[in-house]
Amino acid sequence: MGIPAWIWFVIAAVALVAGLALLAADRAKEGSRNRERMRWAELRGWQFVEEDERLPRQWSNGAIGYFGAQLAVNVVAGSTFTSDGRRPVFIFDIETEGQIPAVVVAVRCNRVHETPLEMWLSSVPFQRQDMPEMLGPIGQRYAFADDSEGARKVITQELVDAADSLGGDVGVAWLENEWVLASVAPNAGPSRLERLLRDLGEIADIVDPFDEEYDNAPTPGRHWQAETPDDIEPQA
């Protein structure tokens, strides 16, 4: 005896309701994250835009390459003070296939890092296509770089100690172009992001100590007079 048609109808209806409920929950969560990030930016006097499709294209390593970031959402742009002085920063969620797998925090240095370097926690599945060469363990993380000689000049004990202090929710920290970046779990709130900013600022001071030439560099406010999302992008 076959299953009555009305049972299949009930099953389909239940599945539809469950799907709509999950979609509503996801949208509510995203709306909450959006409002929280916006309030945080306002309190800090930083700029906020809901999305910027160009921003993730500035990088290809670390979490950007691993997750295949397609869009930056809930973007905050500003500056933070480190022991060496003020540095420009970005904080944004990366979006891939409609999902947010991580938050990226980026602190700008004064000079370009000649050797891109990735530092992955050993507990995360860091393999991806076009992965840089593995150099080996450094503290609690594994180092990856295509230029091993150049990377080993950068990897000091001070850098290793600073990377170890980032925390177990920071899957990867990396140096690329003139930036120090890290990714953290997507549920990270402002207080966690503030701590990560301070930790990345310390790494920036290690790999890029300020000199007298930086005193004449453009201020962050002149970099980011943004009126639209497309106006917010790293400047060389």
Protein backbone atom coordinates (compact mmCIF):
# COMPACT_ATOMS: atom_id res chain seq x y z
CA MET A 1 0.00 0.00 0.00
CA GLY A 2 1.46 3.34 -1.03
CA ILE A 3 1.84 6.42 1.15
CA PRO A 4 -1.14 8.76 0.78
CA ALA A 5 -0.49 11.92 -1.22
CA TRP A 6 -1.58 14.16 1.65
CA ILE A 7 1.34 12.88 3.79
CA TRP A 8 3.82 13.99 1.14
CA PHE A 9 2.06 17.35 1.07
CA VAL A 10 2.42 17.69 4.85
CA ILE A 11 6.11 16.75 4.68
CA ALA A 12 6.73 19.33 1.94
CA ALA A 13 4.85 22.00 3.90
CA VAL A 14 6.86 21.30 7.07
CA ALA A 15 10.14 21.45 5.11
CA LEU A 16 9.10 24.77 3.57
CA VAL A 17 8.21 26.28 6.94
CA ALA A 18 11.50 25.07 8.44
CA GLY A 19 13.44 26.55 5.54
CA LEU A 20 11.70 29.89 5.87
CA ALA A 21 12.37 29.90 9.61
CA LEU A 22 16.08 29.28 9.07
CA LEU A 23 16.20 32.02 6.44
CA ALA A 24 14.48 34.46 8.80
CA ALA A 25 16.92 33.54 11.57
CA ASP A 26 19.90 34.10 9.28
CA ARG A 27 18.58 37.48 8.22
CA ALA A 28 17.91 38.48 11.82
CA LYS A 29 21.46 37.47 12.77
CA GLU A 30 22.93 39.45 9.87
CA GLY A 31 20.81 42.48 10.76
CA SER A 32 22.02 42.30 14.36
CA ARG A 33 25.65 42.07 13.24
CA ASN A 34 25.13 45.01 10.89
CA ARG A 35 23.67 47.24 13.63
CA GLU A 36 26.33 46.23 16.15
CA ARG A 37 29.17 46.98 13.73
CA MET A 38 27.59 50.30 12.77
CA ARG A 39 27.22 51.40 16.40
CA TRP A 40 30.81 50.41 17.10
CA ALA A 41 32.03 52.48 14.15
CA GLU A 42 30.02 55.48 15.33
CA LEU A 43 31.42 55.23 18.86
CA ARG A 44 34.98 55.15 17.49
CA GLY A 45 34.37 57.91 14.96
CA TRP A 46 35.15 55.49 12.14
CA GLN A 47 33.46 55.06 8.76
CA PHE A 48 30.98 52.29 8.03
CA VAL A 49 29.49 50.93 4.81
CA GLU A 50 27.25 47.90 4.39
CA GLU A 51 29.22 46.31 1.55
CA ASP A 52 32.18 46.76 -0.77
CA GLU A 53 32.87 44.26 -3.54
CA ARG A 54 36.29 45.72 -4.39
CA LEU A 55 37.87 45.56 -0.95
CA PRO A 56 38.57 41.77 -0.80
CA ARG A 57 40.34 41.98 -4.17
CA GLN A 58 43.19 43.87 -2.53
CA TRP A 59 44.41 40.55 -1.07
CA SER A 60 44.62 36.94 -2.19
CA ASN A 61 46.33 35.15 0.69
CA GLY A 62 45.20 33.91 4.09
CA ALA A 63 41.47 33.76 4.76
CA ILE A 64 40.69 35.74 1.59
CA GLY A 65 42.11 32.99 -0.60
CA TYR A 66 41.03 30.12 1.62
CA PHE A 67 37.35 31.09 1.71
CA GLY A 68 37.27 32.60 -1.79
CA ALA A 69 35.93 35.90 -0.49
CA GLN A 70 33.52 37.49 -2.98
CA LEU A 71 32.30 40.50 -1.02
CA ALA A 72 33.15 42.55 2.07
CA VAL A 73 30.14 43.42 4.21
CA ASN A 74 29.71 45.44 7.41
CA VAL A 75 32.92 47.30 6.57
CA VAL A 76 34.57 49.58 9.13
CA ALA A 77 37.49 51.85 8.18
CA GLY A 78 39.45 53.96 10.63
CA SER A 79 42.75 54.05 12.48
CA THR A 80 44.16 52.70 15.72
CA PHE A 81 47.07 53.69 17.91
CA THR A 82 50.01 51.35 18.43
CA SER A 83 53.17 51.81 20.43
CA ASP A 84 54.78 53.27 17.30
CA GLY A 85 51.89 55.59 16.43
CA ARG A 86 48.64 55.60 14.49
CA ARG A 87 47.91 53.03 11.78
CA PRO A 88 44.95 52.74 9.36
CA VAL A 89 42.68 49.72 9.82
CA PHE A 90 39.84 47.80 8.17
CA ILE A 91 37.40 45.40 9.81
CA PHE A 92 34.93 43.52 7.62
CA ASP A 93 32.99 40.29 7.21
CA ILE A 94 33.90 38.25 4.16
CA GLU A 95 30.97 36.80 2.23
CA THR A 96 31.17 33.69 0.07
CA GLU A 97 28.14 32.11 -1.62
CA GLY A 98 25.87 34.14 0.62
CA GLN A 99 27.57 32.91 3.82
CA ILE A 100 29.91 34.73 6.23
CA PRO A 101 32.72 32.34 7.23
CA ALA A 102 34.97 34.84 9.03
CA VAL A 103 35.70 38.41 10.05
CA VAL A 104 38.92 39.93 8.71
CA VAL A 105 40.87 42.56 10.61
CA ALA A 106 43.61 44.44 8.73
CA VAL A 107 46.23 46.90 10.02
CA ARG A 108 48.24 48.91 7.54
CA CYS A 109 52.02 49.21 7.65
CA ASN A 110 54.13 51.96 6.17
CA ARG A 111 56.03 49.70 3.80
CA VAL A 112 55.13 46.78 1.56
CA HIS A 113 56.08 43.32 2.84
CA GLU A 114 58.39 41.88 0.21
CA THR A 115 57.51 38.31 1.22
CA PRO A 116 53.85 37.36 1.80
CA LEU A 117 53.71 35.15 4.90
CA GLU A 118 50.82 33.07 6.26
CA MET A 119 50.69 31.76 9.84
CA TRP A 120 48.00 29.10 10.30
CA LEU A 121 46.90 27.35 13.46
CA SER A 122 47.77 23.67 13.25
CA SER A 123 44.22 22.78 14.32
CA VAL A 124 42.50 24.25 11.24
CA PRO A 125 42.28 22.65 7.74
CA PHE A 126 44.39 25.25 5.97
CA GLN A 127 45.00 23.46 2.66
CA ARG A 128 43.69 25.11 -0.51
CA GLN A 129 44.54 25.40 -4.18
CA ASP A 130 47.68 27.48 -4.87
CA MET A 131 48.80 27.15 -1.25
CA PRO A 132 52.23 28.69 -0.55
CA GLU A 133 55.08 26.41 0.45
CA MET A 134 55.02 25.13 4.02
CA LEU A 135 58.10 26.28 5.96
CA GLY A 136 57.30 24.37 9.13
CA PRO A 137 56.00 25.07 12.65
CA ILE A 138 56.56 28.41 14.33
CA GLY A 139 55.23 28.32 17.88
CA GLN A 140 51.59 27.20 17.80
CA ARG A 141 51.25 27.89 14.08
CA TYR A 142 52.58 26.72 10.74
CA ALA A 143 54.31 29.20 8.44
CA PHE A 144 53.72 29.29 4.68
CA ALA A 145 55.58 31.40 2.11
CA ASP A 146 56.81 30.98 -1.46
CA ASP A 147 60.06 32.78 -0.64
CA SER A 148 61.50 30.77 2.22
CA GLU A 149 64.68 32.82 2.55
CA GLY A 150 62.78 36.11 2.66
CA ALA A 151 60.22 34.72 5.11
CA ARG A 152 62.84 33.46 7.53
CA LYS A 153 64.24 36.99 7.78
CA VAL A 154 60.83 38.17 8.96
CA ILE A 155 60.07 35.30 11.36
CA THR A 156 61.72 36.41 14.58
CA GLN A 157 61.02 35.05 18.05
CA GLU A 158 59.21 38.29 18.80
CA LEU A 159 56.87 37.71 15.84
CA VAL A 160 56.30 34.07 16.85
CA ASP A 161 55.38 35.09 20.40
CA ALA A 162 53.00 37.79 19.12
CA ALA A 163 51.34 35.33 16.72
CA ASP A 164 50.92 32.79 19.53
CA SER A 165 49.09 35.38 21.62
CA LEU A 166 46.42 36.01 18.96
CA GLY A 167 44.16 33.28 20.30
CA GLY A 168 42.70 29.96 19.26
CA ASP A 169 39.79 31.58 17.39
CA VAL A 170 42.19 33.27 14.94
CA GLY A 171 42.66 30.64 12.25
CA VAL A 172 45.25 32.55 10.28
CA ALA A 173 47.30 35.73 10.45
CA TRP A 174 49.24 36.90 7.44
CA LEU A 175 51.40 39.61 5.91
CA GLU A 176 50.45 40.76 2.42
CA ASN A 177 51.26 43.93 0.50
CA GLU A 178 51.50 46.65 3.17
CA TRP A 179 49.07 44.99 5.56
CA VAL A 180 49.01 42.71 8.58
CA LEU A 181 45.75 40.73 8.59
CA ALA A 182 43.98 38.05 10.58
CA SER A 183 40.67 36.23 10.44
CA VAL A 184 38.51 35.43 13.44
CA ALA A 185 35.25 33.56 13.95
CA PRO A 186 32.20 35.28 12.41
CA ASN A 187 30.49 35.71 15.80
CA ALA A 188 33.30 37.92 17.13
CA GLY A 189 31.90 41.08 18.70
CA PRO A 190 33.42 44.56 19.08
CA SER A 191 35.31 43.76 22.31
CA ARG A 192 37.02 40.76 20.67
CA LEU A 193 37.79 42.77 17.56
CA GLU A 194 39.29 45.55 19.70
CA ARG A 195 41.68 43.04 21.31
CA LEU A 196 42.59 41.60 17.93
CA LEU A 197 43.28 45.09 16.60
CA ARG A 198 45.70 45.69 19.48
CA ASP A 199 47.43 42.35 18.85
CA LEU A 200 47.78 43.02 15.12
CA GLY A 201 49.06 46.50 15.91
CA GLU A 202 51.80 44.85 17.96
CA ILE A 203 52.70 42.60 15.02
CA ALA A 204 52.72 45.63 12.71
CA ASP A 205 55.16 47.37 15.05
CA ILE A 206 57.39 44.29 14.97
CA VAL A 207 57.55 43.86 11.20
CA ASP A 208 57.32 47.57 10.35
CA PRO A 209 58.82 49.85 13.02
CA PHE A 210 58.09 53.49 12.29
CA ASP A 211 60.78 55.87 11.10
CA GLU A 212 60.95 59.60 10.47
CA GLU A 213 59.62 59.27 6.93
CA TYR A 214 56.22 58.18 8.22
CA ASP A 215 55.64 61.60 9.81
CA ASN A 216 55.03 62.99 6.32
CA ALA A 217 52.65 60.22 5.23
CA PRO A 218 49.00 61.10 4.48
CA THR A 219 46.71 60.80 7.48
CA PRO A 220 43.97 58.15 7.54
CA GLY A 221 41.31 60.82 7.32
CA ARG A 222 42.69 61.90 3.95
CA HIS A 223 42.72 58.29 2.76
CA TRP A 224 39.08 57.62 3.59
CA GLN A 225 36.70 60.45 2.82
CA ALA A 226 34.19 57.85 1.68
CA GLU A 227 30.73 58.69 0.42
CA THR A 228 29.97 55.26 -1.10
CA PRO A 229 31.21 51.70 -0.49
CA ASP A 230 33.39 51.87 -3.59
CA ASP A 231 35.31 54.78 -2.09
CA ILE A 232 36.61 52.65 0.76
CA GLU A 233 39.69 50.83 -0.46
CA PRO A 234 43.33 50.52 0.60
CA GLN A 235 45.56 53.21 -0.80
CA ALA A 236 49.15 52.59 -1.79
